[in-house]
Every structure is written in structure tokens, then in C-alpha cells.
Protein backbone atom coordinates (compact mmCIF):
# COMPACT_ATOMS: atom_id res chain seq x y z
CA UNK A 1 110.05 95.29 79.79
CA UNK A 2 109.14 91.73 78.62
CA UNK A 3 108.20 88.27 79.75
CA UNK A 4 108.90 84.91 78.16
CA UNK A 5 105.55 85.08 76.50
CA UNK A 6 104.93 88.69 75.40
CA UNK A 7 106.29 92.23 75.65
CA UNK A 8 104.72 94.38 78.32
CA UNK A 9 104.08 98.16 77.59
CA UNK A 10 105.67 100.70 79.71
CA UNK A 11 102.27 102.18 80.47
CA UNK A 12 99.73 100.79 82.83
CA UNK A 13 95.99 100.88 83.21
CA UNK A 14 96.73 103.30 85.98
CA UNK A 15 98.55 105.73 83.74
CA UNK A 16 95.81 105.59 80.91
CA UNK A 17 92.80 103.43 80.23
CA UNK A 18 92.24 102.72 76.43
CA UNK A 19 88.75 102.56 75.20
CA UNK A 20 86.07 104.42 73.37
CA UNK A 21 86.87 108.12 73.37
CA UNK A 22 90.41 107.76 74.91
CA UNK A 23 91.96 109.77 72.36
CA UNK A 24 93.84 106.94 70.48
CA UNK A 25 92.90 105.16 67.25
CA UNK A 26 91.50 101.76 67.69
CA UNK A 27 92.73 99.10 65.36
CA UNK A 28 91.08 95.54 65.13
CA UNK A 29 93.64 92.84 65.84
CA UNK A 30 92.47 89.13 65.77
CA UNK A 31 89.90 88.81 68.57
CA UNK A 32 90.63 92.15 70.36
CA UNK A 33 91.24 95.87 69.72
CA UNK A 34 94.80 97.41 69.86
CA UNK A 35 95.22 101.19 70.41
CA UNK A 36 97.80 103.21 68.63
CA UNK A 37 99.94 105.03 71.27
CA UNK A 38 103.16 106.95 70.53
CA UNK A 39 103.76 105.16 67.31
CA UNK A 40 103.18 101.59 68.62
CA UNK A 41 100.09 99.33 69.45
CA UNK A 42 98.85 98.51 73.00
CA UNK A 43 96.57 95.67 73.84
CA UNK A 44 94.91 95.32 77.15
CA UNK A 45 96.05 92.08 78.91
CA UNK A 46 95.08 91.31 82.63
CA UNK A 47 96.45 94.15 84.68
CA UNK A 48 98.72 95.70 82.02
CA UNK A 49 98.99 96.39 78.18
CA UNK A 50 101.06 94.37 75.82
CA UNK A 51 103.16 95.77 73.00
CA UNK A 52 101.78 94.65 69.55
């Protein structure tokens, strides 16, 4: 799923919350942290994750 501005990940905050000790590798990306998830990166954005 995507919007005009960015691709929205299929997983939501309700499905899984990325953060310290979540089990996914953290990767610095500009001014935030992405988390490697099933071969792609997720970045928190409002009430969902963006695909990076």
C-alpha cells in the first residue's frame, strides 16, 4: 500500500512495535532509525511504518 508521498508498510504499530530489544536490527537513516524487517526497512511515521 502506498500514498502519494511514501510507501506504507503492511505491518502496523499494533502488529509490532520497533524499538530497543524488539529483535530487529536498527539502522541509522538521516534523522531517524529504520529497523530491518523481513528483508526491508521500516521507519515509524505517525500511526504506521513507512517502507524505506
